[in-house]
């Protein structure tokens, strides 16, 4: 099973290898418990022969306790599996959170840069507006000056013609 699990895709492989390790440790625990119980059973059998019927009730109580202990152990193993799965999910969530925070940081930097650029463009537009306003004022002033010069010249020509024609 170990070789089969190692030949699978990485995302499935990690999960299966973790379960396989858990199963192996459970198997080792059960083997050691079996050895302990087997040696206890052989000792128990010798005691039962010696003590006969008085110990029969104690064995049924011991078997009952052993059954409850095995059920408790099984529940504990299931709880441990759930805790491991929760921890794995927590680590994945943490990695995802870190990734999202990095993306948000990059987006913030982009927005700050865009904001700085926008302020620079706004300043340039303000300067351009002032320059165009000044140019418009100068153009209007120059029109008035040229118009005034033309009027003065027309009046001067008219006066010159009047004096020349009147003589």
N, C-alpha and C. Protein backbone atom coordinates (compact mmCIF):
# COMPACT_ATOMS: atom_id res chain seq x y z
N UNK A 1 0.83 -1.19 0.00
CA UNK A 1 0.00 0.00 0.00
C UNK A 1 0.88 1.25 0.00
N UNK A 2 2.01 1.15 0.68
CA UNK A 2 2.91 2.28 0.75
C UNK A 2 3.42 2.65 -0.64
N UNK A 3 3.81 1.66 -1.41
CA UNK A 3 4.31 1.91 -2.76
C UNK A 3 3.21 2.47 -3.66
N UNK A 4 2.01 1.94 -3.54
CA UNK A 4 0.90 2.44 -4.35
C UNK A 4 0.61 3.90 -4.02
N UNK A 5 0.64 4.23 -2.74
CA UNK A 5 0.36 5.60 -2.31
C UNK A 5 1.45 6.56 -2.82
N UNK A 6 2.69 6.11 -2.84
CA UNK A 6 3.78 6.97 -3.28
C UNK A 6 3.74 7.23 -4.78
N UNK A 7 3.09 6.36 -5.54
CA UNK A 7 3.05 6.52 -6.99
C UNK A 7 1.89 7.40 -7.46
N UNK A 8 1.05 7.87 -6.55
CA UNK A 8 -0.11 8.69 -6.93
C UNK A 8 0.28 10.16 -7.04
N UNK A 9 -0.69 10.99 -7.42
CA UNK A 9 -0.47 12.42 -7.55
C UNK A 9 -0.13 13.02 -6.19
N UNK A 10 0.65 14.13 -6.18
CA UNK A 10 1.11 14.71 -4.91
C UNK A 10 0.00 15.10 -3.95
N UNK A 11 -1.11 15.66 -4.44
CA UNK A 11 -2.15 16.09 -3.51
C UNK A 11 -2.86 14.91 -2.87
N UNK A 12 -3.04 13.81 -3.60
CA UNK A 12 -3.68 12.61 -3.05
C UNK A 12 -2.64 11.83 -2.25
N UNK A 13 -1.40 11.86 -2.70
CA UNK A 13 -0.31 11.10 -2.08
C UNK A 13 -0.10 11.51 -0.62
N UNK A 14 -0.10 12.82 -0.36
CA UNK A 14 0.13 13.30 1.00
C UNK A 14 -0.94 12.80 1.96
N UNK A 15 -2.18 12.88 1.51
CA UNK A 15 -3.30 12.45 2.36
C UNK A 15 -3.22 10.95 2.63
N UNK A 16 -2.98 10.19 1.56
CA UNK A 16 -2.93 8.73 1.72
C UNK A 16 -1.74 8.29 2.58
N UNK A 17 -0.59 8.93 2.40
CA UNK A 17 0.57 8.57 3.22
C UNK A 17 0.33 8.89 4.69
N UNK A 18 -0.35 10.00 4.96
CA UNK A 18 -0.67 10.35 6.36
C UNK A 18 -1.60 9.30 6.96
N UNK A 19 -2.62 8.90 6.20
CA UNK A 19 -3.55 7.88 6.70
C UNK A 19 -2.83 6.55 6.89
N UNK A 20 -1.92 6.24 5.95
CA UNK A 20 -1.18 4.98 6.04
C UNK A 20 -0.32 4.97 7.31
N UNK A 21 0.33 6.09 7.62
CA UNK A 21 1.14 6.16 8.85
C UNK A 21 0.26 5.98 10.09
N UNK A 22 -0.92 6.60 10.04
CA UNK A 22 -1.84 6.46 11.18
C UNK A 22 -2.27 5.00 11.34
N UNK A 23 -2.59 4.36 10.21
CA UNK A 23 -3.01 2.96 10.25
C UNK A 23 -1.88 2.07 10.77
N UNK A 24 -0.65 2.37 10.33
CA UNK A 24 0.49 1.57 10.81
C UNK A 24 0.69 1.74 12.31
N UNK A 25 0.55 2.99 12.78
CA UNK A 25 0.72 3.20 14.22
C UNK A 25 -0.42 2.54 14.99
N UNK A 26 -1.65 2.61 14.43
CA UNK A 26 -2.77 1.90 15.07
C UNK A 26 -2.53 0.40 15.11
N UNK A 27 -1.99 -0.15 14.01
CA UNK A 27 -1.70 -1.58 13.94
C UNK A 27 -0.65 -1.96 14.97
N UNK A 28 0.39 -1.14 15.08
CA UNK A 28 1.43 -1.42 16.08
C UNK A 28 0.86 -1.35 17.50
N UNK A 29 0.00 -0.37 17.74
CA UNK A 29 -0.63 -0.25 19.06
C UNK A 29 -1.49 -1.48 19.36
N UNK A 30 -2.26 -1.90 18.35
CA UNK A 30 -3.11 -3.07 18.55
C UNK A 30 -2.29 -4.34 18.76
N UNK A 31 -1.17 -4.45 18.03
CA UNK A 31 -0.30 -5.62 18.21
C UNK A 31 0.27 -5.66 19.63
N UNK A 32 0.75 -4.50 20.08
CA UNK A 32 1.32 -4.48 21.44
C UNK A 32 0.23 -4.74 22.48
N UNK A 33 -0.97 -4.19 22.25
CA UNK A 33 -2.07 -4.45 23.18
C UNK A 33 -2.47 -5.93 23.14
N UNK A 34 -2.44 -6.51 21.94
CA UNK A 34 -2.76 -7.93 21.80
C UNK A 34 -1.74 -8.80 22.54
N UNK A 35 -0.46 -8.45 22.40
CA UNK A 35 0.58 -9.21 23.13
C UNK A 35 0.37 -9.09 24.63
N UNK A 36 0.08 -7.87 25.04
CA UNK A 36 -0.13 -7.64 26.47
C UNK A 36 -1.34 -8.43 26.95
N UNK A 37 -2.41 -8.38 26.17
CA UNK A 37 -3.62 -9.11 26.57
C UNK A 37 -3.43 -10.62 26.49
N UNK A 38 -2.65 -11.08 25.49
CA UNK A 38 -2.41 -12.51 25.35
C UNK A 38 -1.62 -13.03 26.55
N UNK A 39 -0.60 -12.26 26.93
CA UNK A 39 0.17 -12.70 28.10
C UNK A 39 -0.70 -12.60 29.36
N UNK A 40 -1.54 -11.55 29.39
CA UNK A 40 -2.45 -11.41 30.53
C UNK A 40 -3.47 -12.55 30.53
N UNK A 41 -3.92 -12.94 29.32
CA UNK A 41 -4.90 -14.03 29.22
C UNK A 41 -4.30 -15.36 29.67
N UNK A 42 -3.05 -15.62 29.31
CA UNK A 42 -2.43 -16.89 29.74
C UNK A 42 -2.27 -16.89 31.27
N UNK A 43 -1.86 -15.74 31.79
CA UNK A 43 -1.75 -15.62 33.25
C UNK A 43 -3.14 -15.71 33.88
N UNK A 44 -4.11 -15.10 33.23
CA UNK A 44 -5.48 -15.12 33.74
C UNK A 44 -6.03 -16.54 33.74
N UNK A 45 -5.72 -17.30 32.70
CA UNK A 45 -6.20 -18.69 32.63
C UNK A 45 -5.64 -19.51 33.79
N UNK A 46 -4.36 -19.31 34.10
CA UNK A 46 -3.74 -20.04 35.21
C UNK A 46 -4.42 -19.64 36.52
N UNK A 47 -4.70 -18.36 36.68
CA UNK A 47 -5.36 -17.90 37.90
C UNK A 47 -6.78 -18.47 38.00
N UNK A 48 -7.46 -18.46 36.85
CA UNK A 48 -8.83 -19.00 36.85
C UNK A 48 -8.84 -20.47 37.27
N UNK A 49 -7.87 -21.21 36.79
CA UNK A 49 -7.80 -22.62 37.19
C UNK A 49 -7.57 -22.73 38.69
N UNK A 50 -6.76 -21.85 39.21
CA UNK A 50 -6.48 -21.92 40.63
C UNK A 50 -7.67 -21.45 41.47
N UNK A 51 -8.25 -20.35 41.04
CA UNK A 51 -9.31 -19.76 41.85
C UNK A 51 -10.71 -20.19 41.44
N UNK A 52 -10.81 -20.81 40.26
CA UNK A 52 -12.04 -21.37 39.68
C UNK A 52 -13.17 -20.36 39.61
N UNK A 53 -14.27 -20.64 40.16
CA UNK A 53 -15.50 -19.90 39.89
C UNK A 53 -15.50 -18.48 40.47
N UNK A 54 -14.76 -18.18 41.48
CA UNK A 54 -14.77 -16.84 42.09
C UNK A 54 -14.27 -15.77 41.13
N UNK A 55 -13.44 -16.20 40.25
CA UNK A 55 -12.85 -15.23 39.32
C UNK A 55 -13.66 -15.10 38.03
N UNK A 56 -14.62 -15.92 37.78
CA UNK A 56 -15.41 -15.86 36.54
C UNK A 56 -16.13 -14.53 36.42
N UNK A 57 -16.69 -14.08 37.53
CA UNK A 57 -17.35 -12.78 37.52
C UNK A 57 -16.37 -11.65 37.25
N UNK A 58 -15.19 -11.72 37.80
CA UNK A 58 -14.16 -10.70 37.61
C UNK A 58 -13.75 -10.63 36.15
N UNK A 59 -13.71 -11.79 35.47
CA UNK A 59 -13.32 -11.80 34.05
C UNK A 59 -14.38 -11.15 33.18
N UNK A 60 -15.64 -11.40 33.48
CA UNK A 60 -16.69 -10.77 32.68
C UNK A 60 -16.67 -9.25 32.87
N UNK A 61 -16.38 -8.81 34.09
CA UNK A 61 -16.25 -7.37 34.35
C UNK A 61 -15.03 -6.84 33.60
N UNK A 62 -13.92 -7.59 33.63
CA UNK A 62 -12.71 -7.16 32.93
C UNK A 62 -12.95 -7.10 31.43
N UNK A 63 -13.66 -8.07 30.86
CA UNK A 63 -13.97 -8.05 29.43
C UNK A 63 -14.86 -6.86 29.10
N UNK A 64 -15.81 -6.57 29.97
CA UNK A 64 -16.68 -5.42 29.77
C UNK A 64 -15.87 -4.13 29.79
N UNK A 65 -14.96 -4.01 30.74
CA UNK A 65 -14.09 -2.84 30.84
C UNK A 65 -13.20 -2.74 29.61
N UNK A 66 -12.68 -3.88 29.16
CA UNK A 66 -11.81 -3.91 27.99
C UNK A 66 -12.59 -3.42 26.76
N UNK A 67 -13.83 -3.83 26.62
CA UNK A 67 -14.67 -3.39 25.50
C UNK A 67 -14.90 -1.89 25.53
N UNK A 68 -15.21 -1.39 26.72
CA UNK A 68 -15.40 0.05 26.86
C UNK A 68 -14.10 0.80 26.57
N UNK A 69 -12.98 0.24 27.01
CA UNK A 69 -11.68 0.86 26.77
C UNK A 69 -11.38 0.90 25.26
N UNK A 70 -11.69 -0.17 24.56
CA UNK A 70 -11.45 -0.21 23.12
C UNK A 70 -12.33 0.81 22.39
N UNK A 71 -13.60 0.92 22.84
CA UNK A 71 -14.49 1.91 22.24
C UNK A 71 -13.97 3.33 22.50
N UNK A 72 -13.49 3.55 23.71
CA UNK A 72 -12.93 4.87 24.05
C UNK A 72 -11.70 5.16 23.22
N UNK A 73 -10.86 4.14 23.04
CA UNK A 73 -9.65 4.31 22.24
C UNK A 73 -10.02 4.63 20.80
N UNK A 74 -11.03 3.95 20.29
CA UNK A 74 -11.47 4.20 18.91
C UNK A 74 -12.00 5.63 18.77
N UNK A 75 -12.80 6.08 19.73
CA UNK A 75 -13.30 7.45 19.70
C UNK A 75 -12.15 8.45 19.79
N UNK A 76 -11.17 8.13 20.62
CA UNK A 76 -10.01 9.01 20.76
C UNK A 76 -9.24 9.09 19.45
N UNK A 77 -9.09 7.96 18.76
CA UNK A 77 -8.40 7.96 17.47
C UNK A 77 -9.17 8.78 16.43
N UNK A 78 -10.49 8.63 16.43
CA UNK A 78 -11.31 9.42 15.50
C UNK A 78 -11.17 10.91 15.80
N UNK A 79 -11.18 11.24 17.08
CA UNK A 79 -11.02 12.65 17.47
C UNK A 79 -9.66 13.17 17.05
N UNK A 80 -8.64 12.35 17.22
CA UNK A 80 -7.29 12.74 16.80
C UNK A 80 -7.24 12.96 15.30
N UNK A 81 -7.91 12.11 14.53
CA UNK A 81 -7.96 12.28 13.09
C UNK A 81 -8.65 13.58 12.71
N UNK A 82 -9.75 13.88 13.41
CA UNK A 82 -10.45 15.13 13.13
C UNK A 82 -9.60 16.33 13.47
N UNK A 83 -8.85 16.24 14.56
CA UNK A 83 -7.97 17.34 14.96
C UNK A 83 -6.87 17.53 13.92
N UNK A 84 -6.30 16.43 13.43
CA UNK A 84 -5.27 16.53 12.40
C UNK A 84 -5.83 17.15 11.13
N UNK A 85 -7.01 16.74 10.74
CA UNK A 85 -7.65 17.30 9.54
C UNK A 85 -7.95 18.78 9.74
N UNK A 86 -8.40 19.15 10.92
CA UNK A 86 -8.68 20.56 11.23
C UNK A 86 -7.40 21.37 11.18
N UNK A 87 -6.33 20.81 11.71
CA UNK A 87 -5.03 21.51 11.69
C UNK A 87 -4.55 21.71 10.27
N UNK A 88 -4.71 20.68 9.43
CA UNK A 88 -4.30 20.78 8.03
C UNK A 88 -5.13 21.87 7.33
N UNK A 89 -6.43 21.88 7.60
CA UNK A 89 -7.29 22.90 7.01
C UNK A 89 -6.88 24.29 7.49
N UNK A 90 -6.54 24.40 8.78
CA UNK A 90 -6.11 25.68 9.33
C UNK A 90 -4.84 26.17 8.64
N UNK A 91 -3.89 25.27 8.41
CA UNK A 91 -2.64 25.65 7.76
C UNK A 91 -2.89 26.09 6.32
N UNK A 92 -3.77 25.37 5.62
CA UNK A 92 -4.12 25.77 4.25
C UNK A 92 -4.77 27.14 4.24
N UNK A 93 -5.66 27.37 5.20
CA UNK A 93 -6.34 28.66 5.29
C UNK A 93 -5.34 29.77 5.60
N UNK A 94 -4.39 29.48 6.46
CA UNK A 94 -3.38 30.47 6.80
C UNK A 94 -2.54 30.82 5.57
N UNK A 95 -2.15 29.81 4.80
CA UNK A 95 -1.38 30.05 3.58
C UNK A 95 -2.19 30.90 2.60
N UNK A 96 -3.47 30.59 2.47
CA UNK A 96 -4.33 31.35 1.58
C UNK A 96 -4.44 32.80 2.06
N UNK A 97 -4.57 32.98 3.38
CA UNK A 97 -4.65 34.33 3.95
C UNK A 97 -3.39 35.13 3.68
N UNK A 98 -2.23 34.49 3.82
CA UNK A 98 -0.96 35.18 3.56
C UNK A 98 -0.89 35.59 2.09
N UNK A 99 -1.31 34.69 1.22
CA UNK A 99 -1.30 34.99 -0.22
C UNK A 99 -2.22 36.17 -0.53
N UNK A 100 -3.40 36.17 0.07
CA UNK A 100 -4.34 37.27 -0.16
C UNK A 100 -3.78 38.58 0.37
N UNK A 101 -3.14 38.54 1.55
CA UNK A 101 -2.55 39.76 2.10
C UNK A 101 -1.44 40.30 1.20
N UNK A 102 -0.65 39.41 0.61
CA UNK A 102 0.40 39.86 -0.31
C UNK A 102 -0.21 40.51 -1.54
N UNK A 103 -1.28 39.91 -2.07
CA UNK A 103 -1.95 40.49 -3.23
C UNK A 103 -2.53 41.86 -2.89
N UNK A 104 -3.14 41.96 -1.71
CA UNK A 104 -3.70 43.24 -1.28
C UNK A 104 -2.61 44.30 -1.12
N UNK A 105 -1.45 43.90 -0.61
CA UNK A 105 -0.33 44.83 -0.46
C UNK A 105 0.12 45.34 -1.83
N UNK A 106 0.23 44.44 -2.80
CA UNK A 106 0.63 44.85 -4.14
C UNK A 106 -0.40 45.78 -4.75
N UNK A 107 -1.67 45.49 -4.55
CA UNK A 107 -2.73 46.35 -5.08
C UNK A 107 -2.70 47.72 -4.41
N UNK A 108 -2.42 47.74 -3.11
CA UNK A 108 -2.33 49.01 -2.40
C UNK A 108 -1.19 49.85 -2.96
N UNK A 109 -0.03 49.20 -3.21
CA UNK A 109 1.11 49.92 -3.77
C UNK A 109 0.75 50.48 -5.15
N UNK A 110 0.04 49.70 -5.94
CA UNK A 110 -0.38 50.17 -7.28
C UNK A 110 -1.31 51.37 -7.15
N UNK A 111 -2.26 51.30 -6.21
CA UNK A 111 -3.19 52.41 -6.02
C UNK A 111 -2.47 53.67 -5.53
N UNK A 112 -1.51 53.50 -4.63
CA UNK A 112 -0.75 54.66 -4.14
C UNK A 112 0.05 55.29 -5.28
N UNK A 113 0.66 54.45 -6.11
CA UNK A 113 1.42 54.97 -7.26
C UNK A 113 0.49 55.70 -8.22
N UNK A 114 -0.68 55.13 -8.49
CA UNK A 114 -1.66 55.78 -9.38
C UNK A 114 -2.13 57.11 -8.78
N UNK A 115 -2.32 57.14 -7.46
CA UNK A 115 -2.73 58.37 -6.79
C UNK A 115 -1.66 59.45 -6.93
N UNK A 116 -0.39 59.07 -6.73
CA UNK A 116 0.70 60.03 -6.89
C UNK A 116 0.76 60.56 -8.32
N UNK A 117 0.60 59.67 -9.28
CA UNK A 117 0.62 60.07 -10.69
C UNK A 117 -0.54 61.01 -10.99
N UNK A 118 -1.71 60.70 -10.43
CA UNK A 118 -2.89 61.54 -10.63
C UNK A 118 -2.67 62.94 -10.07
N UNK A 119 -2.05 63.04 -8.89
CA UNK A 119 -1.77 64.36 -8.31
C UNK A 119 -0.79 65.12 -9.19
N UNK A 120 0.20 64.42 -9.75
CA UNK A 120 1.15 65.08 -10.65
C UNK A 120 0.46 65.59 -11.90
N UNK A 121 -0.43 64.80 -12.47
CA UNK A 121 -1.19 65.23 -13.65
C UNK A 121 -2.08 66.40 -13.31
N UNK A 122 -2.71 66.35 -12.14
CA UNK A 122 -3.58 67.45 -11.70
C UNK A 122 -2.78 68.74 -11.57
N UNK A 123 -1.59 68.66 -11.01
CA UNK A 123 -0.73 69.85 -10.90
C UNK A 123 -0.37 70.39 -12.28
N UNK A 124 -0.05 69.49 -13.19
CA UNK A 124 0.31 69.92 -14.54
C UNK A 124 -0.87 70.56 -15.24
N UNK A 125 -2.07 70.03 -15.05
CA UNK A 125 -3.28 70.62 -15.65
C UNK A 125 -3.52 72.01 -15.08
N UNK A 126 -3.31 72.18 -13.78
CA UNK A 126 -3.50 73.50 -13.16
C UNK A 126 -2.52 74.51 -13.74
N UNK A 127 -1.26 74.10 -13.91
CA UNK A 127 -0.25 74.99 -14.50
C UNK A 127 -0.62 75.35 -15.94
N UNK A 128 -1.08 74.35 -16.69
CA UNK A 128 -1.47 74.59 -18.09
C UNK A 128 -2.65 75.56 -18.16
N UNK A 129 -3.59 75.41 -17.25
CA UNK A 129 -4.76 76.30 -17.22
C UNK A 129 -4.32 77.74 -16.95
N UNK A 130 -3.39 77.93 -16.02
CA UNK A 130 -2.89 79.27 -15.72
C UNK A 130 -2.18 79.87 -16.93
N UNK A 131 -1.38 79.04 -17.59
CA UNK A 131 -0.64 79.53 -18.77
C UNK A 131 -1.63 79.93 -19.87
N UNK A 132 -2.65 79.08 -20.11
CA UNK A 132 -3.63 79.41 -21.15
C UNK A 132 -4.43 80.66 -20.78
N UNK A 133 -4.76 80.83 -19.52
CA UNK A 133 -5.48 82.04 -19.08
C UNK A 133 -4.62 83.28 -19.32
N UNK A 134 -3.33 83.19 -18.97
CA UNK A 134 -2.42 84.32 -19.20
C UNK A 134 -2.29 84.61 -20.69
N UNK A 135 -2.20 83.55 -21.50
CA UNK A 135 -2.09 83.75 -22.95
C UNK A 135 -3.35 84.42 -23.49
N UNK A 136 -4.50 84.01 -22.99
CA UNK A 136 -5.77 84.61 -23.44
C UNK A 136 -5.82 86.09 -23.06
N UNK A 137 -5.41 86.42 -21.88
CA UNK A 137 -5.38 87.84 -21.45
C UNK A 137 -4.44 88.65 -22.32
N UNK A 138 -3.25 88.12 -22.59
CA UNK A 138 -2.29 88.84 -23.43
C UNK A 138 -2.84 89.03 -24.84
N UNK A 139 -3.51 87.98 -25.35
CA UNK A 139 -4.08 88.07 -26.69
C UNK A 139 -5.15 89.16 -26.73
N UNK A 140 -6.00 89.21 -25.72
CA UNK A 140 -7.04 90.25 -25.66
C UNK A 140 -6.40 91.63 -25.55
N UNK A 141 -5.41 91.76 -24.71
CA UNK A 141 -4.71 93.04 -24.54
C UNK A 141 -4.05 93.47 -25.84
N UNK A 142 -3.41 92.48 -26.52
CA UNK A 142 -2.76 92.79 -27.80
C UNK A 142 -3.80 93.22 -28.84
N UNK A 143 -4.98 92.61 -28.85
CA UNK A 143 -6.05 93.01 -29.77
C UNK A 143 -6.45 94.47 -29.52
N UNK A 144 -6.61 94.83 -28.25
CA UNK A 144 -6.99 96.20 -27.91
C UNK A 144 -5.89 97.19 -28.32
N UNK A 145 -4.66 96.78 -28.08
CA UNK A 145 -3.55 97.67 -28.45
C UNK A 145 -3.51 97.85 -29.97
N UNK A 146 -3.62 96.76 -30.72
CA UNK A 146 -3.58 96.84 -32.19
C UNK A 146 -4.78 97.64 -32.71
N UNK A 147 -5.94 97.37 -32.09
CA UNK A 147 -7.14 98.13 -32.50
C UNK A 147 -6.95 99.61 -32.22
N UNK A 148 -6.36 99.94 -31.10
CA UNK A 148 -6.12 101.35 -30.75
C UNK A 148 -5.14 101.97 -31.74
N UNK A 149 -4.09 101.24 -32.08
CA UNK A 149 -3.09 101.76 -33.04
C UNK A 149 -3.74 101.98 -34.40
N UNK A 150 -4.60 101.02 -34.82
CA UNK A 150 -5.29 101.16 -36.10
C UNK A 150 -6.19 102.39 -36.08
N UNK A 151 -6.93 102.59 -35.02
CA UNK A 151 -7.82 103.76 -34.91
C UNK A 151 -6.99 105.04 -34.95
N UNK A 152 -5.88 105.09 -34.24
CA UNK A 152 -5.02 106.27 -34.23
C UNK A 152 -4.49 106.53 -35.64
N UNK A 153 -4.06 105.46 -36.34
CA UNK A 153 -3.53 105.60 -37.69
C UNK A 153 -4.62 106.07 -38.66
N UNK A 154 -5.82 105.53 -38.53
CA UNK A 154 -6.93 105.94 -39.39
C UNK A 154 -7.26 107.41 -39.15
N UNK A 155 -7.28 107.81 -37.88
CA UNK A 155 -7.55 109.21 -37.55
C UNK A 155 -6.44 110.10 -38.10
N UNK A 156 -5.18 109.65 -37.99
CA UNK A 156 -4.05 110.44 -38.50
C UNK A 156 -4.13 110.56 -40.01
N UNK A 157 -4.47 109.47 -40.70
CA UNK A 157 -4.59 109.51 -42.17
C UNK A 157 -5.74 110.43 -42.56
N UNK A 158 -6.82 110.32 -41.82
CA UNK A 158 -7.98 111.16 -42.11
C UNK A 158 -7.62 112.63 -41.91
N UNK A 159 -6.88 112.98 -40.89
CA UNK A 159 -6.46 114.35 -40.63
C UNK A 159 -5.50 114.83 -41.72
N UNK A 160 -4.59 113.96 -42.12
CA UNK A 160 -3.63 114.33 -43.16
C UNK A 160 -4.39 114.59 -44.47
N UNK A 161 -5.30 113.74 -44.83
CA UNK A 161 -6.07 113.92 -46.06
C UNK A 161 -6.95 115.20 -45.96
N UNK A 162 -7.48 115.43 -44.82
CA UNK A 162 -8.33 116.62 -44.66
C UNK A 162 -7.50 117.90 -44.86
N UNK A 163 -6.32 117.93 -44.25
CA UNK A 163 -5.49 119.12 -44.38
C UNK A 163 -4.93 119.23 -45.78
N UNK A 164 -4.62 118.17 -46.45
CA UNK A 164 -4.06 118.20 -47.80
C UNK A 164 -5.15 118.60 -48.79
N UNK A 165 -6.33 118.14 -48.61
CA UNK A 165 -7.39 118.42 -49.56
C UNK A 165 -7.98 119.82 -49.28
N UNK A 166 -7.88 120.25 -48.10
CA UNK A 166 -8.42 121.57 -47.80
C UNK A 166 -7.46 122.68 -48.27
N UNK A 167 -6.30 122.53 -48.57
CA UNK A 167 -5.39 123.56 -49.02
C UNK A 167 -5.41 123.71 -50.46
